[in-house]
Each structure stands twice: as C-alpha cells, then as structure tokens.
Amino acid sequence: MSQKPFQFKQFKVHQDRCAMKIGTDGVLLGAWSSIEHDPQSILDIGTGTGIVALQLAQRSSAGTIDAIEIDEQAHEQCTHNFEYSSWADRLFCYHGSVQEFASEMEHKYDLIVSNPPFFKAPKGIDAQRERTSQERALARFTDILPLKHLIVCAAHLLSQKGVFSIILPYQEADSFIEIATQNKLFLSRICSIRGTKTSKIKRCMLEFSLHQSIHKTQELTIEISRHNYTQEYKNLVRDFYVKM
C-alpha cells in the first residue's frame, strides 16, 4: 500500500495509518450525497481517513461537520487530515463507536453519511496476523458495526429535514431498505453502480429520509474501458480528482 498522501483538488488525505485506503466507494458517496436541502450539520459515521467529510466540507456551507471513527490510528489520522484542511474550523472527529455516540448525543444532523464495513468476519482469525491485515479486516467486518445498529443510530440522530446516505454492496441493498423502513427511514433515492456497461451491478448508493415519498432511481457506469471513464462519472467526481 502506498504511504504517500492522496492529493485531491482542494485537500490532501494522509492514509498511511489507516487500514482502509482511499477508494472509489468513499469518493462516490461524498460526491453523490444530496446537499440540495442545505444541511447545516453533517455526520460521517465510520469516517476512516475523513475523505467523505472533507468532500462534504468542500461542497457545502454546513457549519458543523462531525465524524466518528472507532479505530484509534484512523481517528488520529483523520484528525490530522481535518486540521490541515481549509475547513479545520468546521470539522471534528470523535473517537468511539456510533452506538456510544448516539446514546450520548442530543444534537440532530441534517445529513448523515456512511461508507460502512460490509464483510462478515471469517471464523478463527489468526491473532498473530500482521497489524495492518487485522485493522483492514476490522474496518470491513459487519460484526464491528451491524447494519441494523447503523440504521437505528442514524434514525435517532437524523433531523426532521435530514437525509441519510450510504453505499453498500448490491446484494445488501434490499435487506438494508427493509430494515430501514421498519425503523421509519424511507428510501428517497437509489443509485446502482456498475464498473462497465456489461459488468454486473456491484454497489448501490441509497438515500433515506423520515418522510415517505416515491423514490428516484439512477444508474451509474464508471468506465467505458480501463481508465476511460464515462462522462456521467467524470461529471460526478470532477471537483475532487486532480486528473479528472
């Protein structure tokens, strides 16, 4: 893994101390999440490097942009990335679990985002594995943050006008929507993502609110061929990638 910071157009992300490096999922979520309702407070759950929160700081005028990260090393690196950005006065990273945060926090957020862990932990993890391998596994295991817990916490922390956005594997979408609906979070927008026109859908970005409505359906294809990106993808992320 590269130890170099990732340079975006308006900010830099150091990632050498984070198990999960900068990836397409986070950048897509940060670019796609709706700010049309002019959110004044934003929360990024499981922020990692802080990439999604930084994107939303660039895109929005929100005065409060909080993030939560349970891993100590990632929390410290996220805090560093926030402090050395142009929006340091608007960004803050809490160290702990979202369950603890939700139980203690009375503040409501107009936008909540999450690029959560989504792989279940295999049995018998070798305790002697390299530290980076263990952290990478922890960052992606749903055992650390069950999706139902995430939904309950998001519903509790969302303001009446608020929006909750998340990116998930395609196969997880239906069950997530069902659990969200049971907790009074209603689907308002869904974007299915495929690598190329002929490849299978691998990811879904989902948007929820506390109000029922007919949801909007979108589809996004990332590449025409290797490193030859579609215009719709370039339009979505051009404000962030230096070479886009």
C-alpha atoms as a PDB file:
ATOM      1  CA  MET A   1       0.000   0.000   0.000  1.00  0.00           C
ATOM      2  CA  SER A   2       1.192   3.486  -0.847  1.00  0.00           C
ATOM      3  CA  GLN A   3       2.391   5.629   2.055  1.00  0.00           C
ATOM      4  CA  LYS A   4       2.007   8.841   0.072  1.00  0.00           C
ATOM      5  CA  PRO A   5      -0.872  11.217   0.814  1.00  0.00           C
ATOM      6  CA  PHE A   6      -3.667  11.302  -1.758  1.00  0.00           C
ATOM      7  CA  GLN A   7      -3.886  14.726  -3.368  1.00  0.00           C
ATOM      8  CA  PHE A   8      -7.343  15.994  -4.312  1.00  0.00           C
ATOM      9  CA  LYS A   9      -8.032  19.344  -5.947  1.00  0.00           C
ATOM     10  CA  GLN A  10      -8.731  21.230  -2.731  1.00  0.00           C
ATOM     11  CA  PHE A  11      -7.352  18.993   0.016  1.00  0.00           C
ATOM     12  CA  LYS A  12      -4.842  16.275   0.821  1.00  0.00           C
ATOM     13  CA  VAL A  13      -5.549  12.985   2.597  1.00  0.00           C
ATOM     14  CA  HIS A  14      -2.826  11.161   4.525  1.00  0.00           C
ATOM     15  CA  GLN A  15      -3.682   7.470   4.770  1.00  0.00           C
ATOM     16  CA  ASP A  16      -0.569   5.573   5.929  1.00  0.00           C
ATOM     17  CA  ARG A  17      -2.055   4.923   9.395  1.00  0.00           C
ATOM     18  CA  CYS A  18      -5.498   3.869   8.162  1.00  0.00           C
ATOM     19  CA  ALA A  19      -6.393   0.265   7.413  1.00  0.00           C
ATOM     20  CA  MET A  20      -8.739   1.257   4.607  1.00  0.00           C
ATOM     21  CA  LYS A  21      -7.168   3.454   1.953  1.00  0.00           C
ATOM     22  CA  ILE A  22      -8.859   5.928  -0.371  1.00  0.00           C
ATOM     23  CA  GLY A  23     -11.232   4.037  -2.646  1.00  0.00           C
ATOM     24  CA  THR A  24     -13.902   4.671  -5.233  1.00  0.00           C
ATOM     25  CA  ASP A  25     -16.746   3.913  -2.806  1.00  0.00           C
ATOM     26  CA  GLY A  26     -15.990   6.773  -0.435  1.00  0.00           C
ATOM     27  CA  VAL A  27     -15.355   9.310  -3.176  1.00  0.00           C
ATOM     28  CA  LEU A  28     -18.605   8.360  -4.909  1.00  0.00           C
ATOM     29  CA  LEU A  29     -20.587   8.733  -1.686  1.00  0.00           C
ATOM     30  CA  GLY A  30     -19.030  12.102  -0.906  1.00  0.00           C
ATOM     31  CA  ALA A  31     -19.841  13.376  -4.382  1.00  0.00           C
ATOM     32  CA  TRP A  32     -23.352  11.872  -4.669  1.00  0.00           C
ATOM     33  CA  SER A  33     -24.830  12.630  -1.227  1.00  0.00           C
ATOM     34  CA  SER A  34     -27.501  15.290  -1.519  1.00  0.00           C
ATOM     35  CA  ILE A  35     -26.941  18.804  -0.190  1.00  0.00           C
ATOM     36  CA  GLU A  36     -29.938  20.316  -2.010  1.00  0.00           C
ATOM     37  CA  HIS A  37     -31.703  20.744   1.349  1.00  0.00           C
ATOM     38  CA  ASP A  38     -28.813  22.961   2.542  1.00  0.00           C
ATOM     39  CA  PRO A  39     -27.657  20.877   5.520  1.00  0.00           C
ATOM     40  CA  GLN A  40     -26.245  22.914   8.380  1.00  0.00           C
ATOM     41  CA  SER A  41     -24.958  19.904  10.303  1.00  0.00           C
ATOM     42  CA  ILE A  42     -23.353  16.762   8.848  1.00  0.00           C
ATOM     43  CA  LEU A  43     -22.237  13.475  10.403  1.00  0.00           C
ATOM     44  CA  ASP A  44     -19.904  10.910   8.802  1.00  0.00           C
ATOM     45  CA  ILE A  45     -20.145   7.507  10.510  1.00  0.00           C
ATOM     46  CA  GLY A  46     -17.020   5.354  10.279  1.00  0.00           C
ATOM     47  CA  THR A  47     -15.044   8.117   8.628  1.00  0.00           C
ATOM     48  CA  GLY A  48     -11.661   6.380   8.250  1.00  0.00           C
ATOM     49  CA  THR A  49      -9.329   8.906   6.623  1.00  0.00           C
ATOM     50  CA  GLY A  50     -12.086  11.532   6.717  1.00  0.00           C
ATOM     51  CA  ILE A  51     -12.442  11.616   2.936  1.00  0.00           C
ATOM     52  CA  VAL A  52     -16.257  11.819   2.769  1.00  0.00           C
ATOM     53  CA  ALA A  53     -16.433  14.511   5.466  1.00  0.00           C
ATOM     54  CA  LEU A  54     -13.765  16.522   3.637  1.00  0.00           C
ATOM     55  CA  GLN A  55     -15.681  16.266   0.363  1.00  0.00           C
ATOM     56  CA  LEU A  56     -18.836  17.492   2.064  1.00  0.00           C
ATOM     57  CA  ALA A  57     -16.918  20.354   3.666  1.00  0.00           C
ATOM     58  CA  GLN A  58     -15.829  21.362   0.161  1.00  0.00           C
ATOM     59  CA  ARG A  59     -19.324  21.016  -1.292  1.00  0.00           C
ATOM     60  CA  SER A  60     -21.461  22.533   1.452  1.00  0.00           C
ATOM     61  CA  SER A  61     -21.702  25.533   3.763  1.00  0.00           C
ATOM     62  CA  ALA A  62     -22.513  23.387   6.822  1.00  0.00           C
ATOM     63  CA  GLY A  63     -21.086  24.957   9.959  1.00  0.00           C
ATOM     64  CA  THR A  64     -20.851  21.627  11.794  1.00  0.00           C
ATOM     65  CA  ILE A  65     -19.292  18.567  10.172  1.00  0.00           C
ATOM     66  CA  ASP A  66     -18.677  15.787  12.672  1.00  0.00           C
ATOM     67  CA  ALA A  67     -17.170  12.371  12.079  1.00  0.00           C
ATOM     68  CA  ILE A  68     -16.961   9.181  14.141  1.00  0.00           C
ATOM     69  CA  GLU A  69     -14.133   6.649  13.999  1.00  0.00           C
ATOM     70  CA  ILE A  70     -13.657   3.711  16.367  1.00  0.00           C
ATOM     71  CA  ASP A  71     -10.097   2.789  15.357  1.00  0.00           C
ATOM     72  CA  GLU A  72      -7.516   4.824  17.279  1.00  0.00           C
ATOM     73  CA  GLN A  73      -4.952   5.058  14.483  1.00  0.00           C
ATOM     74  CA  ALA A  74      -7.556   6.058  11.915  1.00  0.00           C
ATOM     75  CA  HIS A  75      -9.050   8.593  14.326  1.00  0.00           C
ATOM     76  CA  GLU A  76      -5.673  10.257  14.827  1.00  0.00           C
ATOM     77  CA  GLN A  77      -5.018  10.369  11.100  1.00  0.00           C
ATOM     78  CA  CYS A  78      -8.483  11.705  10.327  1.00  0.00           C
ATOM     79  CA  THR A  79      -7.985  14.446  12.917  1.00  0.00           C
ATOM     80  CA  HIS A  80      -4.683  15.359  11.244  1.00  0.00           C
ATOM     81  CA  ASN A  81      -6.342  15.474   7.811  1.00  0.00           C
ATOM     82  CA  PHE A  82      -9.083  17.720   9.179  1.00  0.00           C
ATOM     83  CA  GLU A  83      -6.663  20.078  10.935  1.00  0.00           C
ATOM     84  CA  TYR A  84      -4.573  20.602   7.808  1.00  0.00           C
ATOM     85  CA  SER A  85      -7.551  21.230   5.523  1.00  0.00           C
ATOM     86  CA  SER A  86      -9.076  24.571   4.609  1.00  0.00           C
ATOM     87  CA  TRP A  87     -12.144  23.754   6.724  1.00  0.00           C
ATOM     88  CA  ALA A  88     -10.483  22.860  10.042  1.00  0.00           C
ATOM     89  CA  ASP A  89     -12.875  25.107  11.970  1.00  0.00           C
ATOM     90  CA  ARG A  90     -15.888  23.135  10.695  1.00  0.00           C
ATOM     91  CA  LEU A  91     -14.576  19.574  11.044  1.00  0.00           C
ATOM     92  CA  PHE A  92     -14.247  17.400  14.157  1.00  0.00           C
ATOM     93  CA  CYS A  93     -13.632  13.675  14.596  1.00  0.00           C
ATOM     94  CA  TYR A  94     -14.925  11.779  17.626  1.00  0.00           C
ATOM     95  CA  HIS A  95     -13.144   8.624  18.806  1.00  0.00           C
ATOM     96  CA  GLY A  96     -15.585   5.842  19.666  1.00  0.00           C
ATOM     97  CA  SER A  97     -18.467   3.749  18.387  1.00  0.00           C
ATOM     98  CA  VAL A  98     -21.571   5.173  16.775  1.00  0.00           C
ATOM     99  CA  GLN A  99     -23.648   3.294  19.340  1.00  0.00           C
ATOM    100  CA  GLU A 100     -21.965   5.212  22.181  1.00  0.00           C
ATOM    101  CA  PHE A 101     -22.150   8.454  20.227  1.00  0.00           C
ATOM    102  CA  ALA A 102     -25.880   8.088  19.523  1.00  0.00           C
ATOM    103  CA  SER A 103     -26.659   7.289  23.161  1.00  0.00           C
ATOM    104  CA  GLU A 104     -24.881  10.426  24.389  1.00  0.00           C
ATOM    105  CA  MET A 105     -25.571  12.952  21.609  1.00  0.00           C
ATOM    106  CA  GLU A 106     -28.730  15.089  21.702  1.00  0.00           C
ATOM    107  CA  HIS A 107     -27.834  17.054  18.564  1.00  0.00           C
ATOM    108  CA  LYS A 108     -29.624  16.128  15.322  1.00  0.00           C
ATOM    109  CA  TYR A 109     -27.953  16.168  11.906  1.00  0.00           C
ATOM    110  CA  ASP A 110     -29.339  17.347   8.574  1.00  0.00           C
ATOM    111  CA  LEU A 111     -27.125  14.932   6.632  1.00  0.00           C
ATOM    112  CA  ILE A 112     -25.694  11.617   7.806  1.00  0.00           C
ATOM    113  CA  VAL A 113     -23.374   9.602   5.559  1.00  0.00           C
ATOM    114  CA  SER A 114     -21.641   6.263   5.925  1.00  0.00           C
ATOM    115  CA  ASN A 115     -19.323   4.069   3.901  1.00  0.00           C
ATOM    116  CA  PRO A 116     -19.635   1.180   6.371  1.00  0.00           C
ATOM    117  CA  PRO A 117     -17.873  -2.157   6.869  1.00  0.00           C
ATOM    118  CA  PHE A 118     -19.654  -4.852   4.893  1.00  0.00           C
ATOM    119  CA  PHE A 119     -17.740  -8.136   5.024  1.00  0.00           C
ATOM    120  CA  LYS A 120     -18.597 -10.628   7.749  1.00  0.00           C
ATOM    121  CA  ALA A 121     -15.618 -11.839   9.765  1.00  0.00           C
ATOM    122  CA  PRO A 122     -14.459 -15.380   8.959  1.00  0.00           C
ATOM    123  CA  LYS A 123     -14.158 -17.764  11.880  1.00  0.00           C
ATOM    124  CA  GLY A 124     -10.835 -18.366  13.545  1.00  0.00           C
ATOM    125  CA  ILE A 125      -8.975 -15.154  12.761  1.00  0.00           C
ATOM    126  CA  ASP A 126      -5.287 -15.718  13.477  1.00  0.00           C
ATOM    127  CA  ALA A 127      -4.332 -13.359  16.313  1.00  0.00           C
ATOM    128  CA  GLN A 128      -0.749 -13.321  15.065  1.00  0.00           C
ATOM    129  CA  ARG A 129      -1.531 -11.771  11.695  1.00  0.00           C
ATOM    130  CA  GLU A 130       0.166  -8.545  10.782  1.00  0.00           C
ATOM    131  CA  ARG A 131      -1.378  -5.499  12.433  1.00  0.00           C
ATOM    132  CA  THR A 132      -2.323  -3.863   9.136  1.00  0.00           C
ATOM    133  CA  SER A 133      -4.114  -7.009   7.988  1.00  0.00           C
ATOM    134  CA  GLN A 134      -6.075  -7.139  11.230  1.00  0.00           C
ATOM    135  CA  GLU A 135      -7.046  -3.477  11.008  1.00  0.00           C
ATOM    136  CA  ARG A 136      -8.117  -3.849   7.389  1.00  0.00           C
ATOM    137  CA  ALA A 137     -10.279  -6.778   8.374  1.00  0.00           C
ATOM    138  CA  LEU A 138     -11.784  -4.864  11.296  1.00  0.00           C
ATOM    139  CA  ALA A 139     -12.592  -1.928   9.050  1.00  0.00           C
ATOM    140  CA  ARG A 140     -14.650  -4.155   6.752  1.00  0.00           C
ATOM    141  CA  PHE A 141     -16.329  -6.598   9.125  1.00  0.00           C
ATOM    142  CA  THR A 142     -20.045  -6.097   9.733  1.00  0.00           C
ATOM    143  CA  ASP A 143     -19.535  -7.747  13.129  1.00  0.00           C
ATOM    144  CA  ILE A 144     -17.939  -4.467  14.269  1.00  0.00           C
ATOM    145  CA  LEU A 145     -20.906  -2.347  13.109  1.00  0.00           C
ATOM    146  CA  PRO A 146     -24.009  -4.439  12.355  1.00  0.00           C
ATOM    147  CA  LEU A 147     -26.057  -2.665   9.712  1.00  0.00           C
ATOM    148  CA  LYS A 148     -29.163  -2.755  11.915  1.00  0.00           C
ATOM    149  CA  HIS A 149     -27.255  -0.834  14.608  1.00  0.00           C
ATOM    150  CA  LEU A 150     -26.209   1.705  11.986  1.00  0.00           C
ATOM    151  CA  ILE A 151     -29.812   2.200  10.876  1.00  0.00           C
ATOM    152  CA  VAL A 152     -31.125   2.636  14.426  1.00  0.00           C
ATOM    153  CA  CYS A 153     -28.395   5.154  15.256  1.00  0.00           C
ATOM    154  CA  ALA A 154     -28.923   7.099  12.021  1.00  0.00           C
ATOM    155  CA  ALA A 155     -32.683   7.275  12.595  1.00  0.00           C
ATOM    156  CA  HIS A 156     -32.085   8.572  16.122  1.00  0.00           C
ATOM    157  CA  LEU A 157     -29.573  11.219  15.034  1.00  0.00           C
ATOM    158  CA  LEU A 158     -31.383  12.496  11.921  1.00  0.00           C
ATOM    159  CA  SER A 159     -33.201  15.829  11.956  1.00  0.00           C
ATOM    160  CA  GLN A 160     -36.735  16.131  10.593  1.00  0.00           C
ATOM    161  CA  LYS A 161     -35.448  17.564   7.302  1.00  0.00           C
ATOM    162  CA  GLY A 162     -32.433  15.283   7.336  1.00  0.00           C
ATOM    163  CA  VAL A 163     -31.099  12.836   4.756  1.00  0.00           C
ATOM    164  CA  PHE A 164     -29.159   9.631   5.406  1.00  0.00           C
ATOM    165  CA  SER A 165     -26.895   8.367   2.585  1.00  0.00           C
ATOM    166  CA  ILE A 166     -24.943   5.116   2.437  1.00  0.00           C
ATOM    167  CA  ILE A 167     -23.030   2.972  -0.061  1.00  0.00           C
ATOM    168  CA  LEU A 168     -23.396  -0.819   0.106  1.00  0.00           C
ATOM    169  CA  PRO A 169     -22.757  -3.980  -1.891  1.00  0.00           C
ATOM    170  CA  TYR A 170     -25.665  -4.517  -4.295  1.00  0.00           C
ATOM    171  CA  GLN A 171     -26.690  -7.778  -2.623  1.00  0.00           C
ATOM    172  CA  GLU A 172     -27.123  -6.000   0.728  1.00  0.00           C
ATOM    173  CA  ALA A 173     -29.450  -3.272  -0.564  1.00  0.00           C
ATOM    174  CA  ASP A 174     -32.843  -4.971  -0.312  1.00  0.00           C
ATOM    175  CA  SER A 175     -32.390  -6.176   3.254  1.00  0.00           C
ATOM    176  CA  PHE A 176     -30.993  -2.785   4.286  1.00  0.00           C
ATOM    177  CA  ILE A 177     -34.007  -0.983   2.774  1.00  0.00           C
ATOM    178  CA  GLU A 178     -36.367  -3.365   4.593  1.00  0.00           C
ATOM    179  CA  ILE A 179     -34.709  -2.815   7.989  1.00  0.00           C
ATOM    180  CA  ALA A 180     -34.553   0.930   7.381  1.00  0.00           C
ATOM    181  CA  THR A 181     -38.274   1.061   6.598  1.00  0.00           C
ATOM    182  CA  GLN A 182     -39.021  -0.826   9.818  1.00  0.00           C
ATOM    183  CA  ASN A 183     -37.165   1.947  11.628  1.00  0.00           C
ATOM    184  CA  LYS A 184     -39.070   4.774   9.877  1.00  0.00           C
ATOM    185  CA  LEU A 185     -36.297   5.607   7.411  1.00  0.00           C
ATOM    186  CA  PHE A 186     -37.813   5.720   3.934  1.00  0.00           C
ATOM    187  CA  LEU A 187     -35.953   5.325   0.648  1.00  0.00           C
ATOM    188  CA  SER A 188     -35.908   8.536  -1.401  1.00  0.00           C
ATOM    189  CA  ARG A 189     -33.135   7.843  -3.926  1.00  0.00           C
ATOM    190  CA  ILE A 190     -31.123   4.857  -5.139  1.00  0.00           C
ATOM    191  CA  CYS A 191     -28.146   4.743  -7.495  1.00  0.00           C
ATOM    192  CA  SER A 192     -26.928   1.385  -8.820  1.00  0.00           C
ATOM    193  CA  ILE A 193     -23.244   1.298  -9.790  1.00  0.00           C
ATOM    194  CA  ARG A 194     -21.514  -0.932 -12.309  1.00  0.00           C
ATOM    195  CA  GLY A 195     -17.882  -0.907 -13.399  1.00  0.00           C
ATOM    196  CA  THR A 196     -18.594  -1.066 -17.123  1.00  0.00           C
ATOM    197  CA  LYS A 197     -21.731  -1.237 -19.233  1.00  0.00           C
ATOM    198  CA  THR A 198     -21.531  -5.020 -19.492  1.00  0.00           C
ATOM    199  CA  SER A 199     -20.497  -5.792 -15.909  1.00  0.00           C
ATOM    200  CA  LYS A 200     -22.834  -6.667 -13.055  1.00  0.00           C
ATOM    201  CA  ILE A 201     -24.050  -4.065 -10.586  1.00  0.00           C
ATOM    202  CA  LYS A 202     -21.703  -4.248  -7.584  1.00  0.00           C
ATOM    203  CA  ARG A 203     -22.645  -1.273  -5.407  1.00  0.00           C
ATOM    204  CA  CYS A 204     -25.700   0.765  -4.504  1.00  0.00           C
ATOM    205  CA  MET A 205     -25.893   4.227  -3.017  1.00  0.00           C
ATOM    206  CA  LEU A 206     -29.073   4.685  -1.013  1.00  0.00           C
ATOM    207  CA  GLU A 207     -30.666   7.835   0.350  1.00  0.00           C
ATOM    208  CA  PHE A 208     -33.283   7.848   3.117  1.00  0.00           C
ATOM    209  CA  SER A 209     -35.382  10.422   4.933  1.00  0.00           C
ATOM    210  CA  LEU A 210     -38.000  10.446   7.677  1.00  0.00           C
ATOM    211  CA  HIS A 211     -40.725  11.185   5.124  1.00  0.00           C
ATOM    212  CA  GLN A 212     -42.320   8.741   2.707  1.00  0.00           C
ATOM    213  CA  SER A 213     -42.140   9.552  -0.994  1.00  0.00           C
ATOM    214  CA  ILE A 214     -41.723   7.900  -4.386  1.00  0.00           C
ATOM    215  CA  HIS A 215     -38.012   7.198  -4.631  1.00  0.00           C
ATOM    216  CA  LYS A 216     -35.845   8.213  -7.568  1.00  0.00           C
ATOM    217  CA  THR A 217     -33.837   5.532  -9.375  1.00  0.00           C
ATOM    218  CA  GLN A 218     -30.469   6.133 -11.040  1.00  0.00           C
ATOM    219  CA  GLU A 219     -27.710   4.029 -12.570  1.00  0.00           C
ATOM    220  CA  LEU A 220     -24.035   4.938 -12.842  1.00  0.00           C
ATOM    221  CA  THR A 221     -21.405   3.258 -15.022  1.00  0.00           C
ATOM    222  CA  ILE A 222     -17.832   4.143 -14.103  1.00  0.00           C
ATOM    223  CA  GLU A 223     -15.733   3.133 -17.125  1.00  0.00           C
ATOM    224  CA  ILE A 224     -16.109   2.636 -20.852  1.00  0.00           C
ATOM    225  CA  SER A 225     -12.820   0.740 -20.821  1.00  0.00           C
ATOM    226  CA  ARG A 226      -9.810   0.614 -18.475  1.00  0.00           C
ATOM    227  CA  HIS A 227      -9.124   4.200 -17.251  1.00  0.00           C
ATOM    228  CA  ASN A 228     -11.503   5.541 -19.911  1.00  0.00           C
ATOM    229  CA  TYR A 229     -14.232   6.991 -17.724  1.00  0.00           C
ATOM    230  CA  THR A 230     -17.832   7.709 -18.654  1.00  0.00           C
ATOM    231  CA  GLN A 231     -18.954  11.308 -18.853  1.00  0.00           C
ATOM    232  CA  GLU A 232     -21.510  10.801 -16.071  1.00  0.00           C
ATOM    233  CA  TYR A 233     -18.793   9.534 -13.720  1.00  0.00           C
ATOM    234  CA  LYS A 234     -16.460  12.410 -14.617  1.00  0.00           C
ATOM    235  CA  ASN A 235     -19.277  14.905 -14.044  1.00  0.00           C
ATOM    236  CA  LEU A 236     -19.881  13.447 -10.593  1.00  0.00           C
ATOM    237  CA  VAL A 237     -16.280  13.430  -9.314  1.00  0.00           C
ATOM    238  CA  ARG A 238     -14.531  16.140 -11.366  1.00  0.00           C
ATOM    239  CA  ASP A 239     -14.500  18.606  -8.464  1.00  0.00           C
ATOM    240  CA  PHE A 240     -12.269  16.239  -6.486  1.00  0.00           C
ATOM    241  CA  TYR A 241      -9.849  14.238  -8.621  1.00  0.00           C
ATOM    242  CA  VAL A 242      -6.864  16.227  -9.850  1.00  0.00           C
ATOM    243  CA  LYS A 243      -6.637  14.408 -13.194  1.00  0.00           C
ATOM    244  CA  MET A 244     -10.369  14.210 -13.908  1.00  0.00           C
END
